[in-house]
Amino acid sequence: MSRARELAKLGNENVISVDANNQIGIGSVTPDRRFDVGTGDLIVGAAITLGSISGIISATAFHGDGSELEGVASAGLGTALGAVEGRGDDVIYYTNKVLNINDDVTLDPPTSTNTAYTQYAEIAVADSKDLIIASGDEFIPDILGLSTAGVSEMSGTGGRLRVGSITNKAGTGAPDLVNGVVVSGIATFTDKVSIAGTLTYNDVTNIDAVGLVTAQSGIRIGTGGTVGPVSTGIVTYFGDGSSLSGVGVAGVNTTGFSTFKDISVQGISTFSNLTDSGSTTTGSLIISGGVGIAKSSYLGNNVNFADGKGLDFAPIAAGGWGAVAGAATTTSNVLDCYEEGTWVPILYGTDTAGSFSASVNNGWYTRVGRLVCASFYIQGGSLSSSAGNWLVKGFPFNWNAGISEGGYVWYQGSIGAVSSGEFAVPLGQNSQAVMRFFEVPTGGGSGASLSGDHSGITVGVTCMYQTN
């Protein structure tokens, strides 16, 4: 009887009802859909199967972890930690760290946006598979920014990521490649490359830099390596070169002060503005040690020597260069002076200098070592109010005190009223170089010094004498 009473309840329209449109209601006398459950829950023991894949199940909420759901496209926060409503963990979510891509996938958002994203922190592309981001689109992993762990190790070789560009999360800078980058092809950088650590080149044949390469801590080249131009041209080196040793180059071009040690040059070398802080000569090449020149050298400008220094020639061997063996004693082989210039000859009396004037009064000299070649020319000269022998002073260098007088003299001129022959002799007077004039009487006899006032003096003299 109890079983019959329970079956009788099915005839109550408050339990099951069917309207004119064949809509079934359970707990509802006015069903508004094909199957309407009025109040309470519909509990299914195993599963709900729809007759077509286009069927739709809709509700205000779904409960459970959703771990067996397939083909669900959702931008939700993830999977709830709990399934009991009201306990708290039903609204606390998690997402697996790794999203596995097991087939070729092209991410191509609709035209309403160009950005695709996921809360997964890592994307693992299976071997030989491609993850492709369509042209002009962006893909952002870890959209919630919750990842703090490192990258998990994967088996296999991995797949490929095919994109046009990769940026950091903000889209404003470069990504952080924490474990490095392995490039098997050609890498092209259109802007600056900044490396905070060590850049190691293994089996690199050439490095071609179009612009300037700056190495702040130096460049080290392995044994047998070279530094120089690819073909012809000039290589410019900067710095003082103070630590260079054993340098063998085909040419040196430097525009700053440089110090070289043991430099061997086989070609043309250009030095400019090499002025040491202690030098008063600009644009000079300062050599503190010896210089060995195996062949001829060409100098396009002057060579400056410090005062008292010069060219040191090897001694002439006995019999060499016409030398008479044993006839001379060598005291120096250094050519330490060469100079050219002008001077003003002055005619005066030994006892009373007097007054000297001339319309032309010029002097010239050339000095090589200790030998001085001096010339002068006087025209329209006049000496008045003088007394004593005539002397000419004003020579540019002192007389060698070890020589009393003498020297080569070329003389041409006219003293004026003197009818006898004249000649001049250079000599020293109190270490000063002077020239003394003599006259020889017509017909011969002893020469006498010229003296006294005179006018109409025209004379030209060239002589040689030794200085200190």
Protein backbone atom coordinates (compact mmCIF):
# COMPACT_ATOMS: atom_id res chain seq x y z
CA MET A 1 0.00 0.00 0.00
CA SER A 2 2.86 2.41 0.81
CA ARG A 3 4.38 1.85 -2.62
CA ALA A 4 1.02 2.54 -4.29
CA ARG A 5 0.56 5.72 -2.34
CA GLU A 6 3.93 6.94 -3.48
CA LEU A 7 3.12 6.27 -7.14
CA ALA A 8 -0.18 8.10 -6.70
CA LYS A 9 1.71 11.24 -5.95
CA LEU A 10 2.88 11.38 -9.57
CA GLY A 11 -0.68 12.29 -10.58
CA ASN A 12 -0.51 15.46 -8.48
CA GLU A 13 0.09 18.40 -10.86
CA ASN A 14 2.17 20.07 -8.17
CA VAL A 15 4.61 17.21 -8.60
CA ILE A 16 4.59 16.61 -12.37
CA SER A 17 2.70 18.73 -14.86
CA VAL A 18 2.54 18.94 -18.65
CA ASP A 19 1.17 22.07 -20.34
CA ALA A 20 -0.41 22.52 -23.76
CA ASN A 21 3.04 22.98 -25.36
CA ASN A 22 4.21 19.67 -23.93
CA GLN A 23 6.56 21.42 -21.52
CA ILE A 24 7.23 19.32 -18.44
CA GLY A 25 7.35 20.81 -14.99
CA ILE A 26 8.61 19.16 -11.82
CA GLY A 27 7.42 21.08 -8.78
CA SER A 28 5.96 23.65 -11.16
CA VAL A 29 2.39 23.80 -12.54
CA THR A 30 3.39 26.43 -15.16
CA PRO A 31 6.61 25.20 -16.79
CA ASP A 32 8.27 27.85 -18.99
CA ARG A 33 10.72 25.55 -20.80
CA ARG A 34 10.88 22.03 -22.08
CA PHE A 35 12.00 20.71 -18.70
CA ASP A 36 11.37 23.03 -15.75
CA VAL A 37 12.44 22.15 -12.22
CA GLY A 38 10.56 24.49 -9.95
CA THR A 39 12.33 24.61 -6.63
CA GLY A 40 15.23 22.67 -5.19
CA ASP A 41 18.04 20.87 -6.98
CA LEU A 42 18.16 18.43 -9.86
CA ILE A 43 20.57 15.71 -8.87
CA VAL A 44 22.04 13.50 -11.62
CA GLY A 45 23.78 10.38 -10.48
CA ALA A 46 26.34 9.92 -13.28
CA ALA A 47 26.14 12.34 -16.22
CA ILE A 48 23.99 14.48 -18.41
CA THR A 49 24.32 13.63 -22.09
CA LEU A 50 23.10 16.01 -24.76
CA GLY A 51 21.97 14.72 -28.07
CA SER A 52 24.11 17.20 -30.04
CA ILE A 53 27.44 18.93 -29.46
CA SER A 54 25.66 22.24 -30.06
CA GLY A 55 23.54 21.77 -26.92
CA ILE A 56 23.83 24.34 -24.17
CA ILE A 57 23.78 23.91 -20.40
CA SER A 58 23.32 27.25 -18.62
CA ALA A 59 23.18 28.10 -14.94
CA THR A 60 23.96 30.94 -12.59
CA ALA A 61 26.78 28.88 -11.04
CA PHE A 62 28.76 25.69 -11.59
CA HIS A 63 30.33 23.82 -8.68
CA GLY A 64 33.24 21.40 -8.58
CA ASP A 65 36.95 21.63 -9.57
CA GLY A 66 36.27 21.43 -13.31
CA SER A 67 39.35 19.21 -13.76
CA GLU A 68 37.57 17.00 -16.32
CA LEU A 69 36.10 19.80 -18.39
CA GLU A 70 37.28 19.87 -22.02
CA GLY A 71 36.93 22.50 -24.72
CA VAL A 72 36.08 25.22 -22.21
CA ALA A 73 37.20 28.68 -23.33
CA SER A 74 37.16 31.00 -20.34
CA ALA A 75 39.00 34.04 -19.11
CA GLY A 76 38.25 33.13 -15.49
CA LEU A 77 40.70 33.27 -12.60
CA GLY A 78 41.34 29.53 -12.54
CA THR A 79 40.04 26.55 -10.63
CA ALA A 80 38.48 26.90 -7.17
CA LEU A 81 40.32 25.11 -4.35
CA GLY A 82 37.04 23.89 -2.82
CA ALA A 83 33.56 22.86 -3.96
CA VAL A 84 31.50 23.57 -0.83
CA GLU A 85 29.67 26.86 -1.18
CA GLY A 86 30.18 29.28 1.67
CA ARG A 87 33.25 27.56 3.11
CA GLY A 88 35.63 30.12 1.61
CA ASP A 89 37.94 27.96 -0.52
CA ASP A 90 35.23 27.80 -3.17
CA VAL A 91 36.22 31.36 -4.20
CA ILE A 92 39.98 30.85 -3.88
CA TYR A 93 41.54 29.75 -7.17
CA TYR A 94 44.67 28.26 -8.66
CA THR A 95 46.07 27.69 -12.15
CA ASN A 96 48.58 25.06 -13.13
CA LYS A 97 51.99 26.65 -13.79
CA VAL A 98 52.59 25.05 -17.19
CA LEU A 99 50.31 25.17 -20.21
CA ASN A 100 51.22 22.35 -22.57
CA ILE A 101 50.92 22.98 -26.31
CA ASN A 102 50.79 19.53 -27.91
CA ASP A 103 49.90 20.53 -31.45
CA ASP A 104 50.53 23.35 -33.91
CA VAL A 105 48.58 26.36 -32.63
CA THR A 106 48.09 29.77 -34.21
CA LEU A 107 46.94 32.52 -31.87
CA ASP A 108 44.81 34.91 -33.92
CA PRO A 109 42.43 37.03 -31.78
CA PRO A 110 39.36 38.49 -33.51
CA THR A 111 39.47 41.90 -35.14
CA SER A 112 37.99 43.49 -32.03
CA THR A 113 41.35 43.08 -30.24
CA ASN A 114 44.96 42.14 -31.00
CA THR A 115 45.86 40.70 -27.60
CA ALA A 116 45.60 37.12 -26.34
CA TYR A 117 46.55 36.17 -22.79
CA THR A 118 46.60 33.38 -20.24
CA GLN A 119 47.15 33.12 -16.51
CA TYR A 120 49.54 30.21 -17.05
CA ALA A 121 53.05 31.24 -16.09
CA GLU A 122 54.86 28.92 -18.52
CA ILE A 123 54.13 27.72 -22.03
CA ALA A 124 55.59 24.32 -22.97
CA VAL A 125 55.54 23.62 -26.70
CA ALA A 126 55.90 19.94 -27.54
CA ASP A 127 58.66 18.62 -29.78
CA SER A 128 58.35 19.57 -33.47
CA LYS A 129 55.26 21.69 -32.74
CA ASP A 130 54.78 25.39 -33.41
CA LEU A 131 53.13 28.12 -31.35
CA ILE A 132 52.44 30.91 -33.82
CA ILE A 133 51.28 34.42 -32.92
CA ALA A 134 49.53 35.95 -35.91
CA SER A 135 50.94 39.05 -37.53
CA GLY A 136 50.14 42.23 -35.58
CA ASP A 137 48.87 40.31 -32.54
CA GLU A 138 50.26 39.89 -29.04
CA PHE A 139 50.32 37.00 -26.59
CA ILE A 140 50.77 37.67 -22.86
CA PRO A 141 51.45 34.72 -20.51
CA ASP A 142 51.07 35.03 -16.73
CA ILE A 143 48.52 37.82 -17.18
CA LEU A 144 47.91 37.91 -13.41
CA GLY A 145 51.62 38.37 -12.68
CA LEU A 146 51.62 35.75 -9.93
CA SER A 147 54.60 33.66 -11.02
CA THR A 148 57.67 33.80 -8.78
CA ALA A 149 59.15 30.34 -9.44
CA GLY A 150 61.83 29.49 -11.99
CA VAL A 151 61.32 27.59 -15.22
CA SER A 152 60.68 23.89 -14.85
CA GLU A 153 62.85 21.45 -16.72
CA MET A 154 61.27 19.90 -19.82
CA SER A 155 62.03 16.67 -21.55
CA GLY A 156 62.77 16.51 -25.24
CA THR A 157 64.03 19.32 -27.47
CA GLY A 158 60.94 21.50 -27.27
CA GLY A 159 59.01 23.16 -30.02
CA ARG A 160 59.22 26.54 -31.72
CA LEU A 161 57.84 29.96 -30.94
CA ARG A 162 57.17 31.87 -34.13
CA VAL A 163 56.58 35.57 -33.55
CA GLY A 164 57.52 38.86 -35.12
CA SER A 165 58.83 40.46 -31.90
CA ILE A 166 59.20 39.71 -28.18
CA THR A 167 58.98 42.37 -25.46
CA ASN A 168 58.86 42.45 -21.69
CA LYS A 169 55.57 42.13 -19.86
CA ALA A 170 54.86 45.86 -20.00
CA GLY A 171 55.51 45.89 -23.74
CA THR A 172 57.97 48.77 -23.34
CA GLY A 173 61.33 47.00 -23.06
CA ALA A 174 63.30 43.84 -23.64
CA PRO A 175 62.42 40.47 -22.09
CA ASP A 176 64.59 39.00 -19.34
CA LEU A 177 66.30 35.88 -20.71
CA VAL A 178 67.56 34.54 -17.39
CA ASN A 179 69.39 31.48 -18.73
CA GLY A 180 70.87 32.99 -21.87
CA VAL A 181 70.22 32.74 -25.59
CA VAL A 182 71.63 30.20 -28.02
CA VAL A 183 71.71 31.54 -31.59
CA SER A 184 72.56 29.06 -34.32
CA GLY A 185 72.10 31.49 -37.21
CA ILE A 186 72.89 35.15 -37.88
CA ALA A 187 71.83 37.62 -35.19
CA THR A 188 71.24 41.20 -36.33
CA PHE A 189 71.15 44.10 -33.84
CA THR A 190 69.77 47.40 -35.15
CA ASP A 191 70.49 49.30 -31.94
CA LYS A 192 72.97 49.20 -29.06
CA VAL A 193 73.90 45.92 -27.33
CA SER A 194 74.66 46.18 -23.62
CA ILE A 195 76.39 43.26 -21.86
CA ALA A 196 76.89 43.44 -18.11
CA GLY A 197 78.79 40.17 -17.82
CA THR A 198 81.28 38.31 -20.01
CA LEU A 199 80.76 37.94 -23.75
CA THR A 200 82.49 34.75 -24.92
CA TYR A 201 83.06 33.98 -28.60
CA ASN A 202 83.66 30.31 -29.38
CA ASP A 203 84.86 29.38 -32.87
CA VAL A 204 84.12 32.87 -34.22
CA THR A 205 85.97 33.58 -37.46
CA ASN A 206 85.36 37.33 -37.79
CA ILE A 207 83.62 40.13 -35.94
CA ASP A 208 82.63 42.93 -38.29
CA ALA A 209 81.86 46.27 -36.62
CA VAL A 210 80.86 49.14 -38.91
CA GLY A 211 81.23 51.76 -36.18
CA LEU A 212 83.51 52.33 -33.21
CA VAL A 213 84.22 49.45 -30.79
CA THR A 214 84.97 50.67 -27.25
CA ALA A 215 86.54 48.24 -24.78
CA GLN A 216 86.58 50.01 -21.41
CA SER A 217 88.89 47.51 -19.68
CA GLY A 218 91.06 46.53 -22.65
CA ILE A 219 91.33 44.04 -25.50
CA ARG A 220 93.32 40.82 -25.26
CA ILE A 221 94.31 38.96 -28.43
CA GLY A 222 95.36 35.34 -28.39
CA THR A 223 98.78 34.07 -29.47
CA GLY A 224 99.30 34.54 -33.19
CA GLY A 225 96.49 37.09 -33.50
CA THR A 226 96.94 40.39 -35.33
CA VAL A 227 95.63 43.95 -35.18
CA GLY A 228 95.51 45.96 -38.38
CA PRO A 229 93.46 47.05 -41.41
CA VAL A 230 91.64 44.50 -43.56
CA SER A 231 93.57 45.57 -46.66
CA THR A 232 95.42 48.85 -47.11
CA GLY A 233 95.06 52.04 -45.13
CA ILE A 234 96.10 53.62 -41.86
CA VAL A 235 95.22 52.27 -38.42
CA THR A 236 95.14 54.93 -35.71
CA TYR A 237 96.04 53.96 -32.15
CA PHE A 238 95.18 56.12 -29.13
CA GLY A 239 96.77 56.31 -25.70
CA ASP A 240 100.36 56.74 -24.52
CA GLY A 241 101.42 53.18 -25.37
CA SER A 242 103.59 53.09 -22.23
CA SER A 243 103.06 49.35 -21.76
CA LEU A 244 103.74 48.33 -25.35
CA SER A 245 106.70 46.01 -25.83
CA GLY A 246 108.07 44.09 -28.79
CA VAL A 247 105.84 45.94 -31.23
CA GLY A 248 106.57 45.14 -34.88
CA VAL A 249 104.37 47.14 -37.24
CA ALA A 250 104.37 48.28 -40.84
CA GLY A 251 103.71 51.85 -39.80
CA VAL A 252 102.63 53.97 -36.85
CA ASN A 253 100.25 56.92 -37.01
CA THR A 254 99.63 58.79 -33.77
CA THR A 255 98.39 62.32 -33.05
CA GLY A 256 98.78 62.40 -29.27
CA PHE A 257 101.69 62.09 -26.86
CA SER A 258 102.82 58.48 -26.95
CA THR A 259 105.57 56.46 -25.31
CA PHE A 260 106.72 53.32 -27.09
CA LYS A 261 109.06 50.59 -25.91
CA ASP A 262 110.98 48.36 -28.33
CA ILE A 263 109.08 49.52 -31.39
CA SER A 264 110.09 48.09 -34.77
CA VAL A 265 108.76 49.91 -37.82
CA GLN A 266 109.02 48.47 -41.33
CA GLY A 267 106.93 51.04 -43.18
CA ILE A 268 106.06 54.73 -43.11
CA SER A 269 105.32 56.11 -39.66
CA THR A 270 103.64 59.43 -38.92
CA PHE A 271 104.11 61.23 -35.60
CA SER A 272 102.48 64.57 -34.82
CA ASN A 273 102.00 66.64 -31.66
CA LEU A 274 104.12 64.25 -29.59
CA THR A 275 105.16 66.87 -27.06
CA ASP A 276 106.19 65.65 -23.65
CA SER A 277 105.15 67.70 -20.64
CA GLY A 278 108.82 68.57 -20.07
CA SER A 279 109.52 69.62 -23.65
CA THR A 280 109.33 73.13 -25.05
CA THR A 281 109.15 71.91 -28.65
CA THR A 282 105.72 71.19 -30.13
CA GLY A 283 105.18 68.45 -32.67
CA SER A 284 108.34 66.60 -31.66
CA LEU A 285 109.34 62.96 -31.51
CA ILE A 286 111.08 62.43 -28.18
CA ILE A 287 113.39 59.41 -27.98
CA SER A 288 115.00 58.71 -24.63
CA GLY A 289 116.91 55.62 -25.76
CA GLY A 290 118.89 54.65 -28.82
CA VAL A 291 117.54 54.50 -32.36
CA GLY A 292 118.87 51.96 -34.81
CA ILE A 293 118.16 52.68 -38.49
CA ALA A 294 119.08 49.87 -40.87
CA LYS A 295 118.23 51.75 -44.08
CA SER A 296 117.81 55.30 -45.36
CA SER A 297 115.31 57.52 -43.59
CA TYR A 298 113.27 60.39 -44.96
CA LEU A 299 112.33 63.27 -42.68
CA GLY A 300 109.68 65.65 -43.94
CA ASN A 301 110.49 68.26 -41.32
CA ASN A 302 113.21 69.29 -38.89
CA VAL A 303 114.84 67.08 -36.29
CA ASN A 304 115.30 68.95 -33.01
CA PHE A 305 118.14 68.11 -30.63
CA ALA A 306 118.48 69.29 -27.06
CA ASP A 307 121.22 71.85 -26.42
CA GLY A 308 124.61 70.11 -26.44
CA LYS A 309 123.26 66.98 -28.14
CA GLY A 310 123.53 65.93 -31.76
CA LEU A 311 124.47 63.17 -34.20
CA ASP A 312 127.02 60.70 -32.86
CA PHE A 313 129.09 59.23 -35.71
CA ALA A 314 131.13 56.08 -35.38
CA PRO A 315 134.90 56.75 -35.24
CA ILE A 316 136.69 56.60 -38.59
CA ALA A 317 138.76 53.46 -38.76
CA ALA A 318 142.47 53.77 -39.47
CA GLY A 319 142.91 54.25 -43.19
CA GLY A 320 139.19 54.80 -43.75
CA TRP A 321 137.85 57.91 -45.48
CA GLY A 322 141.43 58.91 -46.32
CA ALA A 323 142.49 58.98 -42.66
CA VAL A 324 146.25 58.78 -42.08
CA ALA A 325 146.92 56.10 -39.50
CA GLY A 326 148.36 57.52 -36.31
CA ALA A 327 148.24 61.12 -37.55
CA ALA A 328 145.23 62.22 -35.50
CA THR A 329 143.69 61.68 -32.07
CA THR A 330 139.89 61.55 -32.01
CA THR A 331 138.31 63.63 -29.25
CA SER A 332 134.63 63.56 -30.31
CA ASN A 333 132.35 62.07 -32.96
CA VAL A 334 129.25 64.06 -32.05
CA LEU A 335 127.96 66.70 -34.44
CA ASP A 336 126.15 68.72 -31.83
CA CYS A 337 125.65 72.12 -33.46
CA TYR A 338 124.49 73.59 -36.73
CA GLU A 339 123.23 77.15 -37.01
CA GLU A 340 122.77 79.93 -39.57
CA GLY A 341 122.13 83.61 -38.91
CA THR A 342 123.13 87.25 -39.30
CA TRP A 343 125.27 89.67 -37.32
CA VAL A 344 126.39 93.36 -37.46
CA PRO A 345 130.09 94.12 -37.98
CA ILE A 346 131.48 97.13 -36.07
CA LEU A 347 134.79 98.79 -36.94
CA TYR A 348 136.61 100.43 -33.99
CA GLY A 349 140.03 101.47 -32.70
CA THR A 350 141.85 99.46 -30.06
CA ASP A 351 142.85 102.50 -27.96
CA THR A 352 139.85 104.73 -28.65
CA ALA A 353 136.86 103.08 -30.31
CA GLY A 354 135.72 106.21 -32.11
CA SER A 355 132.55 106.60 -34.13
CA PHE A 356 131.70 104.21 -37.00
CA SER A 357 128.94 104.51 -39.61
CA ALA A 358 128.23 102.93 -43.01
CA SER A 359 125.55 102.98 -45.67
CA VAL A 360 125.68 99.17 -45.87
CA ASN A 361 126.75 97.13 -42.88
CA ASN A 362 125.69 93.43 -42.97
CA GLY A 363 127.03 90.15 -41.64
CA TRP A 364 126.14 86.44 -42.08
CA TYR A 365 127.36 83.24 -40.49
CA THR A 366 127.09 79.44 -40.62
CA ARG A 367 128.27 77.24 -37.77
CA VAL A 368 128.93 73.50 -38.09
CA GLY A 369 130.17 71.94 -34.90
CA ARG A 370 132.94 74.27 -33.60
CA LEU A 371 133.76 75.71 -37.03
CA VAL A 372 132.30 79.15 -37.77
CA CYS A 373 132.18 80.59 -41.29
CA ALA A 374 131.51 84.35 -40.98
CA SER A 375 131.11 86.96 -43.71
CA PHE A 376 130.50 90.70 -43.67
CA TYR A 377 130.22 93.55 -46.14
CA ILE A 378 130.76 97.26 -45.40
CA GLN A 379 130.05 99.97 -47.96
CA GLY A 380 130.43 103.73 -47.51
CA GLY A 381 132.03 103.20 -44.13
CA SER A 382 133.56 105.99 -42.00
CA LEU A 383 135.59 105.82 -38.75
CA SER A 384 136.29 109.01 -36.88
CA SER A 385 137.73 110.09 -33.52
CA SER A 386 139.46 106.74 -33.13
CA ALA A 387 142.90 105.76 -31.96
CA GLY A 388 144.84 102.55 -32.22
CA ASN A 389 144.70 99.63 -34.61
CA TRP A 390 141.55 98.81 -36.54
CA LEU A 391 139.51 95.85 -35.38
CA VAL A 392 136.10 94.49 -36.40
CA LYS A 393 133.93 93.03 -33.65
CA GLY A 394 130.36 91.71 -33.41
CA PHE A 395 131.17 88.12 -34.51
CA PRO A 396 128.37 85.74 -33.35
CA PHE A 397 130.57 83.27 -31.40
CA ASN A 398 133.55 83.58 -29.10
CA TRP A 399 137.09 82.71 -30.15
CA ASN A 400 138.61 79.37 -29.16
CA ALA A 401 141.07 80.35 -26.45
CA GLY A 402 143.39 77.53 -27.46
CA ILE A 403 144.23 79.23 -30.79
CA SER A 404 146.12 82.51 -30.92
CA GLU A 405 145.11 83.72 -34.38
CA GLY A 406 144.63 82.61 -37.97
CA GLY A 407 141.95 81.12 -40.13
CA TYR A 408 140.93 81.12 -43.73
CA VAL A 409 140.17 84.63 -45.11
CA TRP A 410 138.74 85.79 -48.40
CA TYR A 411 139.21 89.53 -48.69
CA GLN A 412 138.11 92.04 -51.26
CA GLY A 413 137.83 95.76 -50.82
CA SER A 414 139.36 99.16 -50.63
CA ILE A 415 140.30 101.00 -47.49
CA GLY A 416 140.39 104.20 -49.46
CA ALA A 417 143.56 106.36 -49.38
CA VAL A 418 145.86 103.47 -48.53
CA SER A 419 147.85 102.75 -51.68
CA SER A 420 149.48 99.60 -50.42
CA GLY A 421 147.92 96.13 -50.34
CA GLU A 422 145.63 95.13 -47.47
CA PHE A 423 144.66 91.87 -45.83
CA ALA A 424 142.72 90.80 -42.76
CA VAL A 425 143.41 88.22 -40.06
CA PRO A 426 140.82 86.84 -37.56
CA LEU A 427 142.11 86.53 -34.01
CA GLY A 428 140.95 86.35 -30.42
CA GLN A 429 140.95 89.18 -27.94
CA ASN A 430 139.81 88.39 -24.39
CA SER A 431 138.00 85.30 -25.79
CA GLN A 432 136.18 87.56 -28.25
CA ALA A 433 136.49 86.92 -31.98
CA VAL A 434 137.68 90.02 -33.84
CA MET A 435 139.34 90.77 -37.19
CA ARG A 436 142.47 92.86 -37.66
CA PHE A 437 143.42 94.69 -40.87
CA PHE A 438 147.00 94.92 -42.16
CA GLU A 439 148.66 96.79 -45.00
CA VAL A 440 151.68 95.69 -47.03
CA PRO A 441 153.80 98.49 -48.53
CA THR A 442 154.03 98.64 -52.27
CA GLY A 443 157.10 96.74 -53.34
CA GLY A 444 157.04 94.49 -50.26
CA GLY A 445 158.18 94.73 -46.69
CA SER A 446 156.71 94.07 -43.25
CA GLY A 447 152.97 94.48 -42.83
CA ALA A 448 151.55 96.98 -40.38
CA SER A 449 148.15 97.29 -38.78
CA LEU A 450 145.78 99.83 -40.23
CA SER A 451 144.81 102.58 -37.83
CA GLY A 452 143.45 106.10 -37.59
CA ASP A 453 140.36 107.82 -38.90
CA HIS A 454 139.23 107.08 -42.43
CA SER A 455 136.25 107.40 -44.78
CA GLY A 456 135.07 105.78 -48.02
CA ILE A 457 135.65 102.30 -46.61
CA THR A 458 134.27 99.46 -48.79
CA VAL A 459 135.28 95.96 -47.88
CA GLY A 460 133.91 92.36 -48.01
CA VAL A 461 135.42 89.55 -45.95
CA THR A 462 134.73 85.85 -45.47
CA CYS A 463 136.67 83.96 -42.83
CA MET A 464 136.61 80.75 -40.84
CA TYR A 465 137.58 80.35 -37.20
CA GLN A 466 137.02 77.95 -34.33
CA THR A 467 134.83 78.63 -31.36
CA ASN A 468 134.59 76.70 -28.10
